[in-house]
N, C-alpha and C. Protein backbone atom coordinates (compact mmCIF):
# COMPACT_ATOMS: atom_id res chain seq x y z
N MET A 1 33.25 -88.65 -80.37
CA MET A 1 31.60 -88.60 -79.72
C MET A 1 31.77 -87.91 -77.93
N ARG A 2 30.89 -87.36 -78.02
CA ARG A 2 31.02 -86.71 -76.50
C ARG A 2 29.32 -87.53 -76.12
N ASN A 3 29.70 -88.03 -74.42
CA ASN A 3 28.64 -88.33 -74.08
C ASN A 3 27.73 -87.61 -73.31
N ARG A 4 26.58 -87.36 -73.42
CA ARG A 4 25.51 -86.99 -72.72
C ARG A 4 25.05 -87.41 -71.73
N GLY A 5 24.67 -86.08 -70.45
CA GLY A 5 23.98 -86.93 -69.42
C GLY A 5 24.89 -86.00 -67.97
N PHE A 6 24.80 -87.06 -67.05
CA PHE A 6 25.20 -86.37 -65.91
C PHE A 6 26.15 -87.03 -65.23
N THR A 7 26.96 -87.29 -63.89
CA THR A 7 28.01 -87.59 -63.66
C THR A 7 27.56 -87.58 -62.06
N LEU A 8 27.68 -88.60 -61.22
CA LEU A 8 27.62 -89.28 -60.08
C LEU A 8 27.56 -87.59 -59.16
N LEU A 9 28.99 -87.50 -59.53
CA LEU A 9 28.85 -85.81 -58.31
C LEU A 9 28.07 -84.86 -58.65
N GLU A 10 27.50 -84.64 -59.71
CA GLU A 10 26.59 -83.72 -59.88
C GLU A 10 25.39 -83.36 -59.27
N VAL A 11 24.30 -84.99 -59.88
CA VAL A 11 23.58 -85.65 -59.53
C VAL A 11 23.87 -85.39 -57.09
N LEU A 12 24.45 -86.15 -57.22
CA LEU A 12 24.56 -85.92 -55.30
C LEU A 12 24.67 -85.06 -55.04
N VAL A 13 25.33 -83.45 -55.61
CA VAL A 13 25.32 -82.02 -55.01
C VAL A 13 23.54 -81.47 -55.47
N VAL A 14 23.23 -81.89 -56.60
CA VAL A 14 21.60 -81.43 -56.87
C VAL A 14 20.67 -82.30 -55.67
N LEU A 15 20.88 -83.63 -55.30
CA LEU A 15 20.13 -84.15 -54.00
C LEU A 15 20.36 -83.36 -52.82
N ALA A 16 21.70 -83.19 -52.52
CA ALA A 16 21.65 -82.26 -51.19
C ALA A 16 21.31 -81.07 -50.82
N LEU A 17 21.22 -80.06 -52.24
CA LEU A 17 20.70 -78.77 -52.25
C LEU A 17 19.16 -79.19 -52.15
N LEU A 18 18.49 -79.73 -53.12
CA LEU A 18 16.92 -80.28 -52.69
C LEU A 18 16.81 -80.77 -51.11
N ALA A 19 17.54 -81.52 -50.49
CA ALA A 19 17.31 -82.19 -49.32
C ALA A 19 17.24 -80.81 -48.58
N VAL A 20 18.15 -79.63 -48.35
CA VAL A 20 18.38 -78.56 -47.78
C VAL A 20 17.24 -77.91 -48.11
N LEU A 21 16.79 -77.92 -49.36
CA LEU A 21 15.65 -76.96 -49.36
C LEU A 21 14.20 -77.59 -48.81
N LEU A 22 14.55 -78.68 -48.88
CA LEU A 22 13.20 -79.57 -47.86
C LEU A 22 13.04 -79.19 -46.63
N SER A 23 14.32 -79.27 -45.79
CA SER A 23 14.37 -79.14 -44.75
C SER A 23 14.13 -77.75 -44.12
N LEU A 24 14.26 -76.30 -45.11
CA LEU A 24 13.60 -75.50 -44.82
C LEU A 24 12.19 -75.02 -44.63
N ALA A 25 11.67 -75.86 -45.85
CA ALA A 25 10.25 -75.94 -46.38
C ALA A 25 9.58 -77.00 -44.74
N ALA A 26 9.93 -77.62 -44.14
CA ALA A 26 9.18 -78.24 -43.66
C ALA A 26 8.35 -77.52 -42.15
N PRO A 27 9.42 -76.97 -41.25
CA PRO A 27 8.47 -76.63 -40.13
C PRO A 27 7.31 -76.02 -40.73
N SER A 28 7.08 -74.82 -41.90
CA SER A 28 6.29 -73.84 -42.12
C SER A 28 4.88 -75.36 -42.56
N PHE A 29 5.12 -76.54 -43.55
CA PHE A 29 4.37 -77.18 -43.49
C PHE A 29 3.35 -78.00 -42.04
N ILE A 30 4.58 -78.26 -41.25
CA ILE A 30 3.79 -78.67 -39.87
C ILE A 30 2.88 -77.88 -39.21
N GLY A 31 3.00 -76.32 -39.21
CA GLY A 31 2.52 -75.53 -38.63
C GLY A 31 0.60 -75.15 -39.53
N LEU A 32 1.16 -75.65 -40.58
CA LEU A 32 -0.35 -75.17 -41.77
C LEU A 32 -1.02 -76.74 -41.55
N ARG A 33 -0.26 -77.99 -41.68
CA ARG A 33 -1.19 -78.96 -41.14
C ARG A 33 -1.78 -79.41 -39.60
N GLN A 34 -1.17 -78.57 -38.60
CA GLN A 34 -1.06 -78.26 -37.70
C GLN A 34 -2.34 -77.48 -37.21
N LYS A 35 -2.63 -76.59 -38.37
CA LYS A 35 -3.90 -75.42 -38.21
C LYS A 35 -5.06 -75.65 -39.02
N HIS A 36 -4.64 -76.93 -40.05
CA HIS A 36 -6.07 -77.68 -40.36
C HIS A 36 -6.75 -78.55 -39.58
N GLN A 37 -5.31 -79.31 -38.64
CA GLN A 37 -6.49 -79.79 -37.85
C GLN A 37 -6.77 -79.57 -36.59
N MET A 38 -6.33 -77.96 -36.05
CA MET A 38 -7.59 -77.60 -34.76
C MET A 38 -9.16 -77.17 -35.79
N GLN A 39 -9.05 -76.50 -36.97
CA GLN A 39 -10.14 -76.30 -37.94
C GLN A 39 -11.47 -77.54 -37.74
N SER A 40 -10.28 -78.73 -38.38
CA SER A 40 -11.13 -79.81 -37.98
C SER A 40 -11.81 -80.37 -36.84
N GLN A 41 -11.12 -80.21 -35.71
CA GLN A 41 -11.32 -80.55 -34.80
C GLN A 41 -12.44 -79.24 -33.79
N ALA A 42 -12.79 -78.45 -34.60
CA ALA A 42 -13.61 -77.46 -33.94
C ALA A 42 -14.76 -78.26 -34.62
N GLU A 43 -14.36 -78.31 -35.67
CA GLU A 43 -16.05 -78.62 -36.92
C GLU A 43 -16.48 -79.94 -36.22
N GLN A 44 -15.95 -80.59 -35.81
CA GLN A 44 -16.24 -81.75 -35.68
C GLN A 44 -17.16 -81.90 -34.20
N LEU A 45 -16.40 -80.76 -32.90
CA LEU A 45 -16.75 -80.78 -31.90
C LEU A 45 -18.48 -80.27 -32.29
N GLN A 46 -18.59 -78.98 -33.20
CA GLN A 46 -19.86 -78.69 -33.47
C GLN A 46 -20.60 -79.53 -33.99
N ALA A 47 -20.24 -80.76 -35.16
CA ALA A 47 -21.11 -81.78 -35.77
C ALA A 47 -21.50 -82.64 -34.52
N SER A 48 -21.05 -82.84 -33.54
CA SER A 48 -21.11 -83.57 -32.29
C SER A 48 -22.58 -83.03 -31.25
N LEU A 49 -22.42 -81.35 -31.12
CA LEU A 49 -23.22 -80.85 -30.36
C LEU A 49 -24.27 -80.58 -31.90
N LEU A 50 -24.58 -80.89 -33.22
CA LEU A 50 -25.49 -80.56 -33.92
C LEU A 50 -26.10 -81.84 -33.51
N LEU A 51 -25.91 -83.10 -34.19
CA LEU A 51 -26.02 -84.70 -33.94
C LEU A 51 -26.86 -84.51 -32.29
N ALA A 52 -26.12 -84.07 -31.26
CA ALA A 52 -27.08 -84.23 -29.97
C ALA A 52 -28.37 -83.37 -30.11
N ARG A 53 -28.37 -82.00 -30.58
CA ARG A 53 -29.61 -81.58 -30.25
C ARG A 53 -30.77 -82.07 -31.55
N SER A 54 -30.48 -82.57 -32.55
CA SER A 54 -31.17 -83.48 -33.56
C SER A 54 -31.64 -84.58 -32.88
N GLU A 55 -30.70 -84.89 -31.90
CA GLU A 55 -31.30 -86.87 -31.65
C GLU A 55 -32.26 -86.44 -30.81
N ALA A 56 -31.90 -84.99 -30.02
CA ALA A 56 -33.27 -84.89 -28.45
C ALA A 56 -33.87 -84.54 -29.72
N LEU A 57 -34.50 -84.04 -30.05
CA LEU A 57 -35.73 -83.71 -31.00
C LEU A 57 -36.27 -85.14 -31.25
N ARG A 58 -35.47 -85.19 -32.01
CA ARG A 58 -35.71 -86.70 -32.98
C ARG A 58 -36.40 -87.92 -31.88
N ARG A 59 -36.20 -88.15 -30.82
CA ARG A 59 -36.30 -88.85 -29.79
C ARG A 59 -37.17 -88.56 -28.70
N GLN A 60 -37.04 -86.89 -28.88
CA GLN A 60 -37.94 -86.32 -27.58
C GLN A 60 -37.70 -87.23 -26.28
N GLN A 61 -36.23 -86.73 -25.95
CA GLN A 61 -35.68 -86.82 -24.40
C GLN A 61 -34.30 -86.32 -24.79
N ARG A 62 -34.19 -86.15 -23.29
CA ARG A 62 -32.76 -85.19 -23.09
C ARG A 62 -31.06 -86.68 -23.99
N VAL A 63 -30.19 -85.61 -24.29
CA VAL A 63 -29.19 -86.14 -25.26
C VAL A 63 -27.72 -85.24 -24.57
N THR A 64 -27.09 -85.79 -24.75
CA THR A 64 -25.75 -84.91 -24.15
C THR A 64 -24.67 -85.21 -24.20
N LEU A 65 -23.23 -84.41 -24.07
CA LEU A 65 -22.19 -84.34 -24.55
C LEU A 65 -21.43 -84.63 -23.13
N CYS A 66 -20.48 -85.48 -22.48
CA CYS A 66 -19.77 -85.18 -21.89
C CYS A 66 -18.53 -85.35 -21.89
N VAL A 67 -17.53 -84.85 -21.26
CA VAL A 67 -16.35 -84.73 -20.91
C VAL A 67 -15.97 -86.28 -21.00
N ARG A 68 -14.79 -86.94 -22.20
CA ARG A 68 -15.16 -88.48 -22.02
C ARG A 68 -13.87 -88.99 -20.69
N GLU A 69 -14.21 -89.89 -20.15
CA GLU A 69 -13.40 -90.44 -19.11
C GLU A 69 -11.21 -90.82 -19.76
N SER A 70 -10.50 -90.15 -19.03
CA SER A 70 -9.70 -90.72 -20.58
C SER A 70 -8.51 -91.86 -19.63
N SER A 71 -9.38 -92.74 -19.38
CA SER A 71 -9.19 -94.03 -18.52
C SER A 71 -9.84 -94.88 -19.03
N PRO A 72 -9.21 -96.29 -20.07
CA PRO A 72 -10.42 -96.97 -20.28
C PRO A 72 -10.83 -98.20 -19.28
N GLY A 73 -12.33 -98.36 -19.57
CA GLY A 73 -12.73 -99.13 -18.21
C GLY A 73 -13.94 -99.58 -19.19
N GLU A 74 -15.29 -100.26 -17.97
CA GLU A 74 -16.01 -100.84 -19.07
C GLU A 74 -17.57 -99.42 -19.23
N GLY A 75 -16.78 -99.02 -21.20
CA GLY A 75 -17.58 -98.79 -21.68
C GLY A 75 -17.15 -97.07 -21.40
N PRO A 76 -17.55 -96.48 -22.12
CA PRO A 76 -17.70 -95.01 -21.47
C PRO A 76 -18.36 -94.11 -21.38
N HIS A 77 -17.46 -93.45 -19.72
CA HIS A 77 -17.88 -92.57 -18.94
C HIS A 77 -17.64 -90.80 -19.12
N CYS A 78 -18.47 -90.28 -18.30
CA CYS A 78 -18.50 -89.08 -18.66
C CYS A 78 -17.23 -89.40 -17.37
N ALA A 79 -16.10 -87.92 -17.36
CA ALA A 79 -15.18 -87.90 -16.64
C ALA A 79 -15.74 -86.57 -15.49
N SER A 80 -15.00 -87.39 -13.81
CA SER A 80 -15.76 -86.11 -12.72
C SER A 80 -14.55 -85.10 -12.87
N ALA A 81 -12.87 -84.91 -13.97
CA ALA A 81 -12.80 -84.31 -13.87
C ALA A 81 -11.72 -83.66 -14.96
N GLY A 82 -11.43 -83.39 -15.83
CA GLY A 82 -10.38 -82.81 -17.05
C GLY A 82 -10.94 -82.11 -18.03
N THR A 83 -10.93 -81.96 -19.08
CA THR A 83 -11.19 -80.84 -19.79
C THR A 83 -11.29 -81.47 -21.20
N TRP A 84 -12.42 -81.12 -22.55
CA TRP A 84 -12.88 -81.59 -23.14
C TRP A 84 -11.80 -82.18 -24.24
N ALA A 85 -10.30 -81.86 -23.86
CA ALA A 85 -9.43 -82.23 -24.85
C ALA A 85 -9.26 -83.75 -24.61
N GLN A 86 -9.90 -84.34 -23.61
CA GLN A 86 -9.75 -85.52 -23.21
C GLN A 86 -11.13 -86.55 -24.15
N GLY A 87 -11.32 -85.47 -25.22
CA GLY A 87 -12.85 -86.52 -26.09
C GLY A 87 -13.91 -86.43 -25.25
N TRP A 88 -14.66 -87.23 -26.08
CA TRP A 88 -16.57 -86.21 -25.69
C TRP A 88 -17.01 -87.89 -26.18
N VAL A 89 -18.13 -87.87 -25.14
CA VAL A 89 -19.16 -88.69 -25.29
C VAL A 89 -20.44 -88.36 -25.50
N VAL A 90 -21.64 -88.75 -26.46
CA VAL A 90 -23.02 -88.37 -26.82
C VAL A 90 -23.62 -89.40 -26.69
N PHE A 91 -24.61 -89.11 -25.56
CA PHE A 91 -25.32 -89.73 -25.21
C PHE A 91 -26.77 -89.67 -25.26
N VAL A 92 -27.86 -90.76 -24.94
CA VAL A 92 -29.08 -90.56 -24.75
C VAL A 92 -29.01 -90.59 -23.02
N ASP A 93 -29.65 -89.21 -22.46
CA ASP A 93 -29.65 -89.18 -20.85
C ASP A 93 -30.68 -89.39 -20.70
N GLY A 94 -31.21 -90.92 -20.23
CA GLY A 94 -32.41 -91.29 -19.70
C GLY A 94 -32.95 -91.01 -18.24
N ASN A 95 -32.02 -90.77 -17.49
CA ASN A 95 -32.28 -90.11 -16.31
C ASN A 95 -31.84 -88.95 -16.16
N ASP A 96 -31.22 -88.01 -17.44
CA ASP A 96 -31.42 -86.72 -16.78
C ASP A 96 -30.76 -86.40 -15.96
N ASN A 97 -29.43 -86.90 -15.68
CA ASN A 97 -28.49 -86.37 -15.07
C ASN A 97 -27.11 -86.06 -15.27
N GLY A 98 -27.00 -85.64 -16.59
CA GLY A 98 -26.02 -85.20 -17.14
C GLY A 98 -24.38 -86.26 -17.51
N ARG A 99 -25.07 -87.29 -17.02
CA ARG A 99 -23.82 -88.27 -16.08
C ARG A 99 -24.43 -90.22 -17.28
N ARG A 100 -23.76 -90.75 -18.06
CA ARG A 100 -23.83 -91.57 -18.26
C ARG A 100 -23.66 -92.86 -17.52
N GLU A 101 -24.69 -93.60 -17.75
CA GLU A 101 -24.79 -95.20 -16.68
C GLU A 101 -24.83 -96.24 -18.18
N ALA A 102 -24.17 -96.85 -17.52
CA ALA A 102 -23.98 -98.49 -18.61
C ALA A 102 -25.17 -98.67 -19.47
N SER A 103 -26.60 -97.99 -18.57
CA SER A 103 -27.77 -99.23 -19.77
C SER A 103 -28.35 -97.95 -20.21
N GLU A 104 -27.41 -96.39 -20.59
CA GLU A 104 -28.05 -95.51 -21.73
C GLU A 104 -26.64 -95.40 -23.16
N THR A 105 -27.71 -95.20 -23.51
CA THR A 105 -27.46 -95.75 -25.34
C THR A 105 -25.98 -94.49 -25.97
N VAL A 106 -25.09 -94.88 -26.25
CA VAL A 106 -23.97 -94.12 -26.27
C VAL A 106 -24.38 -93.61 -28.25
N LEU A 107 -24.58 -92.48 -28.64
CA LEU A 107 -24.55 -92.46 -29.72
C LEU A 107 -23.17 -91.79 -30.67
N GLN A 108 -22.40 -91.10 -30.08
CA GLN A 108 -21.25 -91.03 -30.71
C GLN A 108 -19.89 -91.14 -29.56
N LEU A 109 -18.97 -91.57 -30.12
CA LEU A 109 -17.63 -91.10 -28.99
C LEU A 109 -16.65 -90.06 -29.82
N HIS A 110 -16.16 -89.61 -29.57
CA HIS A 110 -14.73 -88.64 -29.83
C HIS A 110 -13.64 -88.84 -28.74
N ASN A 111 -12.28 -89.03 -29.68
CA ASN A 111 -11.43 -89.56 -29.00
C ASN A 111 -10.49 -88.68 -28.45
N ALA A 112 -9.72 -88.44 -27.66
CA ALA A 112 -8.67 -87.65 -27.57
C ALA A 112 -8.04 -86.44 -28.39
N LEU A 113 -7.96 -85.03 -28.49
CA LEU A 113 -7.61 -84.55 -29.31
C LEU A 113 -6.24 -84.42 -29.49
N PRO A 114 -5.33 -84.13 -30.51
CA PRO A 114 -3.85 -84.43 -30.16
C PRO A 114 -3.34 -83.29 -29.51
N GLY A 115 -2.14 -84.07 -28.89
CA GLY A 115 -1.27 -83.21 -27.84
C GLY A 115 -1.20 -81.90 -27.79
N PHE A 116 -0.88 -80.94 -29.11
CA PHE A 116 -1.05 -80.01 -29.28
C PHE A 116 -1.86 -78.76 -29.28
N LEU A 117 -3.22 -79.77 -28.85
CA LEU A 117 -4.48 -78.97 -28.73
C LEU A 117 -4.99 -78.37 -27.65
N THR A 118 -5.03 -77.46 -26.98
CA THR A 118 -6.33 -77.89 -25.80
C THR A 118 -8.06 -77.58 -25.83
N LEU A 119 -9.15 -77.80 -25.30
CA LEU A 119 -10.19 -76.98 -25.70
C LEU A 119 -10.87 -76.94 -24.17
N GLN A 120 -11.37 -76.44 -24.05
CA GLN A 120 -11.80 -75.93 -22.53
C GLN A 120 -13.20 -75.36 -22.39
N GLY A 121 -14.12 -75.76 -21.43
CA GLY A 121 -15.62 -74.74 -21.84
C GLY A 121 -15.73 -73.57 -20.57
N ASN A 122 -16.21 -72.69 -21.09
CA ASN A 122 -17.11 -71.52 -19.74
C ASN A 122 -17.45 -72.36 -18.47
N ALA A 123 -18.03 -71.66 -17.52
CA ALA A 123 -18.07 -72.33 -16.09
C ALA A 123 -19.36 -73.37 -16.28
N THR A 124 -20.85 -72.79 -17.83
CA THR A 124 -21.69 -73.38 -17.75
C THR A 124 -21.57 -74.61 -18.62
N VAL A 125 -20.51 -74.97 -19.44
CA VAL A 125 -20.21 -76.03 -20.31
C VAL A 125 -18.82 -76.85 -20.21
N ASP A 126 -18.48 -76.61 -18.81
CA ASP A 126 -16.93 -77.38 -18.47
C ASP A 126 -17.26 -78.69 -18.52
N SER A 127 -17.83 -79.04 -18.57
CA SER A 127 -18.02 -80.91 -18.21
C SER A 127 -19.21 -81.56 -18.99
N TYR A 128 -20.21 -80.51 -19.57
CA TYR A 128 -21.43 -81.29 -20.09
C TYR A 128 -22.39 -80.42 -20.83
N ILE A 129 -23.07 -80.78 -21.72
CA ILE A 129 -23.72 -80.00 -22.95
C ILE A 129 -25.36 -81.04 -22.69
N SER A 130 -26.09 -79.95 -22.79
CA SER A 130 -27.04 -81.35 -22.39
C SER A 130 -28.37 -80.09 -23.30
N TYR A 131 -29.01 -81.57 -24.07
CA TYR A 131 -30.12 -80.55 -24.79
C TYR A 131 -31.43 -81.37 -24.60
N GLY A 132 -32.45 -80.84 -24.02
CA GLY A 132 -34.02 -81.27 -24.04
C GLY A 132 -34.34 -81.68 -25.16
N PRO A 133 -35.75 -82.63 -25.21
CA PRO A 133 -36.06 -82.52 -25.89
C PRO A 133 -37.10 -81.60 -27.13
N GLN A 134 -37.35 -80.36 -26.54
CA GLN A 134 -37.71 -79.22 -27.05
C GLN A 134 -35.92 -78.86 -28.37
N GLY A 135 -34.77 -79.32 -28.12
CA GLY A 135 -34.05 -79.17 -28.89
C GLY A 135 -33.08 -78.06 -28.26
N ARG A 136 -33.78 -77.42 -27.22
CA ARG A 136 -33.11 -76.63 -26.20
C ARG A 136 -31.60 -77.24 -25.41
N SER A 137 -30.77 -76.17 -24.90
CA SER A 137 -29.49 -76.49 -24.39
C SER A 137 -30.40 -76.10 -22.80
N GLN A 138 -29.91 -77.49 -22.10
CA GLN A 138 -29.53 -77.06 -20.78
C GLN A 138 -29.42 -78.07 -19.71
N SER A 139 -29.40 -77.49 -18.84
CA SER A 139 -28.37 -78.12 -17.55
C SER A 139 -29.61 -78.57 -17.16
N THR A 140 -28.76 -79.54 -15.88
CA THR A 140 -29.82 -80.92 -15.31
C THR A 140 -30.73 -80.02 -14.52
N SER A 141 -30.44 -79.20 -14.28
CA SER A 141 -31.67 -78.40 -13.75
C SER A 141 -33.30 -77.48 -14.28
N GLY A 142 -32.27 -77.80 -15.53
CA GLY A 142 -33.62 -77.72 -16.13
C GLY A 142 -33.12 -76.07 -16.70
N ALA A 143 -32.34 -75.00 -16.28
CA ALA A 143 -31.90 -73.70 -16.97
C ALA A 143 -31.48 -74.03 -17.81
N PHE A 144 -31.11 -72.96 -18.65
CA PHE A 144 -31.13 -72.83 -20.34
C PHE A 144 -29.60 -72.80 -20.03
N GLN A 145 -28.77 -73.48 -20.85
CA GLN A 145 -27.75 -73.47 -20.64
C GLN A 145 -26.87 -72.64 -21.98
N ALA A 146 -25.87 -72.00 -21.74
CA ALA A 146 -25.37 -71.38 -22.94
C ALA A 146 -24.20 -71.31 -22.52
N GLY A 147 -22.75 -71.36 -23.50
CA GLY A 147 -21.66 -71.01 -23.40
C GLY A 147 -20.62 -71.10 -24.30
N THR A 148 -19.31 -70.94 -24.13
CA THR A 148 -18.25 -70.98 -25.10
C THR A 148 -16.92 -72.57 -24.92
N LEU A 149 -16.99 -72.97 -25.82
CA LEU A 149 -15.70 -73.90 -25.38
C LEU A 149 -14.50 -73.10 -26.66
N THR A 150 -13.04 -73.23 -25.95
CA THR A 150 -12.14 -72.43 -26.94
C THR A 150 -11.37 -73.42 -26.95
N LEU A 151 -11.08 -73.54 -28.44
CA LEU A 151 -9.96 -74.58 -28.65
C LEU A 151 -8.28 -73.57 -29.39
N CYS A 152 -7.48 -74.13 -28.56
CA CYS A 152 -6.34 -73.12 -28.81
C CYS A 152 -5.14 -74.22 -28.98
N GLY A 153 -3.94 -73.89 -30.33
CA GLY A 153 -2.94 -75.00 -30.62
C GLY A 153 -1.66 -74.34 -29.68
N ALA A 154 -0.76 -75.02 -29.79
CA ALA A 154 0.58 -74.59 -29.35
C ALA A 154 0.99 -73.74 -30.77
N GLY A 155 1.17 -72.24 -30.77
CA GLY A 155 2.02 -71.89 -31.61
C GLY A 155 1.03 -71.31 -32.49
N GLN A 156 -0.20 -71.43 -32.49
CA GLN A 156 -0.74 -70.98 -33.46
C GLN A 156 -1.52 -69.59 -33.03
N ALA A 157 -2.25 -69.17 -33.92
CA ALA A 157 -1.88 -67.13 -34.06
C ALA A 157 -3.65 -67.33 -33.95
N HIS A 158 -4.65 -67.48 -34.28
CA HIS A 158 -5.81 -68.07 -34.06
C HIS A 158 -6.54 -69.04 -33.16
N VAL A 159 -7.83 -68.93 -32.26
CA VAL A 159 -8.41 -69.80 -31.71
C VAL A 159 -9.45 -70.04 -32.37
N TRP A 160 -10.27 -71.28 -32.22
CA TRP A 160 -11.46 -71.39 -32.32
C TRP A 160 -12.22 -71.79 -31.35
N ARG A 161 -13.70 -71.18 -31.48
CA ARG A 161 -13.87 -70.71 -30.04
C ARG A 161 -15.73 -71.65 -31.43
N VAL A 162 -16.76 -72.32 -30.29
CA VAL A 162 -17.47 -73.08 -30.36
C VAL A 162 -19.15 -72.44 -29.49
N VAL A 163 -19.72 -71.77 -29.76
CA VAL A 163 -20.53 -70.66 -29.21
C VAL A 163 -22.28 -71.45 -29.13
N ILE A 164 -22.81 -71.72 -28.12
CA ILE A 164 -24.04 -72.16 -27.73
C ILE A 164 -24.72 -71.41 -27.50
N ASN A 165 -25.77 -70.73 -27.88
CA ASN A 165 -26.75 -69.60 -27.69
C ASN A 165 -27.76 -70.24 -26.67
N ALA A 166 -28.69 -69.10 -26.00
CA ALA A 166 -29.08 -69.46 -25.56
C ALA A 166 -30.30 -70.65 -25.77
N VAL A 167 -30.47 -70.62 -27.15
CA VAL A 167 -31.47 -72.09 -27.21
C VAL A 167 -30.90 -73.08 -28.26
N GLY A 168 -29.53 -72.96 -27.78
CA GLY A 168 -28.82 -74.22 -28.00
C GLY A 168 -28.24 -74.57 -29.56
N LYS A 169 -28.02 -73.28 -29.86
CA LYS A 169 -27.38 -73.46 -31.29
C LYS A 169 -26.13 -73.31 -31.48
N PRO A 170 -25.38 -73.87 -31.90
CA PRO A 170 -23.60 -73.75 -31.87
C PRO A 170 -23.50 -73.23 -33.05
N ARG A 171 -22.35 -72.88 -32.90
CA ARG A 171 -21.78 -71.61 -33.88
C ARG A 171 -20.08 -71.69 -33.90
N LEU A 172 -19.25 -71.50 -35.44
CA LEU A 172 -18.23 -71.63 -34.72
C LEU A 172 -17.48 -70.27 -35.32
N GLU A 173 -16.27 -69.73 -34.67
CA GLU A 173 -16.02 -68.53 -34.65
C GLU A 173 -14.53 -68.91 -34.69
N LYS A 174 -13.51 -67.97 -35.89
CA LYS A 174 -12.36 -68.06 -35.44
C LYS A 174 -11.90 -66.50 -34.80
N ALA A 175 -10.99 -66.45 -34.15
CA ALA A 175 -10.40 -65.18 -33.44
C ALA A 175 -9.21 -65.58 -33.16
N GLU A 176 -8.38 -63.79 -33.18
CA GLU A 176 -7.08 -63.87 -33.30
C GLU A 176 -6.83 -64.03 -31.25
N ARG A 177 -5.54 -64.93 -31.40
CA ARG A 177 -5.26 -65.44 -29.87
C ARG A 177 -4.63 -64.39 -28.74
N GLN A 178 -5.24 -64.23 -27.86
CA GLN A 178 -5.01 -62.80 -27.46
C GLN A 178 -4.12 -63.61 -26.00
N ASP A 179 -3.58 -63.07 -25.22
CA ASP A 179 -2.54 -63.24 -24.14
C ASP A 179 -3.11 -63.99 -23.19
N SER A 180 -4.32 -63.03 -23.69
CA SER A 180 -5.54 -63.45 -21.94
C SER A 180 -6.68 -65.08 -22.40
N ALA A 181 -6.07 -65.31 -23.79
CA ALA A 181 -7.52 -66.61 -24.13
C ALA A 181 -7.22 -67.91 -23.01
N LYS A 182 -7.88 -68.17 -23.27
CA LYS A 182 -8.42 -69.35 -21.97
C LYS A 182 -8.02 -70.23 -22.59
N CYS A 183 -5.96 -70.96 -22.70
CA CYS A 183 -5.71 -72.08 -23.24
C CYS A 183 -4.95 -72.64 -22.37
């Protein structure tokens, strides 16, 4: 009578081969995961902009997104320097100055982005984006505020852009990464 089954040596060889194959596949899974994280962060930024716009219309007063201060303090505040990768704050801007005061209501907080991502705005939207009572994006001086926020990931072939048009509507676009891309 012959026993059927695997010897311990055969099982160990198969497990070693599986370990080698999985270690070869792991880097591609990391890149895929980062690609999806990047898209998710771009969608979250767009959702925050849409929230600010709709709340400005609903409340009939200015609502602002600003770059979140990176150091913890007494509640969330707008940073005087830094990039959108530090996170952002959506708040009701009662005094129309584009900066959050302690008495102003926070509508949403977004934490800092994962370390492999960078998010920067062009000159018109580098530190804040504000929506007036009519739902239009406008600077604190009252001028229309249009601009582009660019989200880049280390080792990624594409960038995501959140483009805000002259009336304040944000849209997402995926683009090939150029060497000159602002990242």
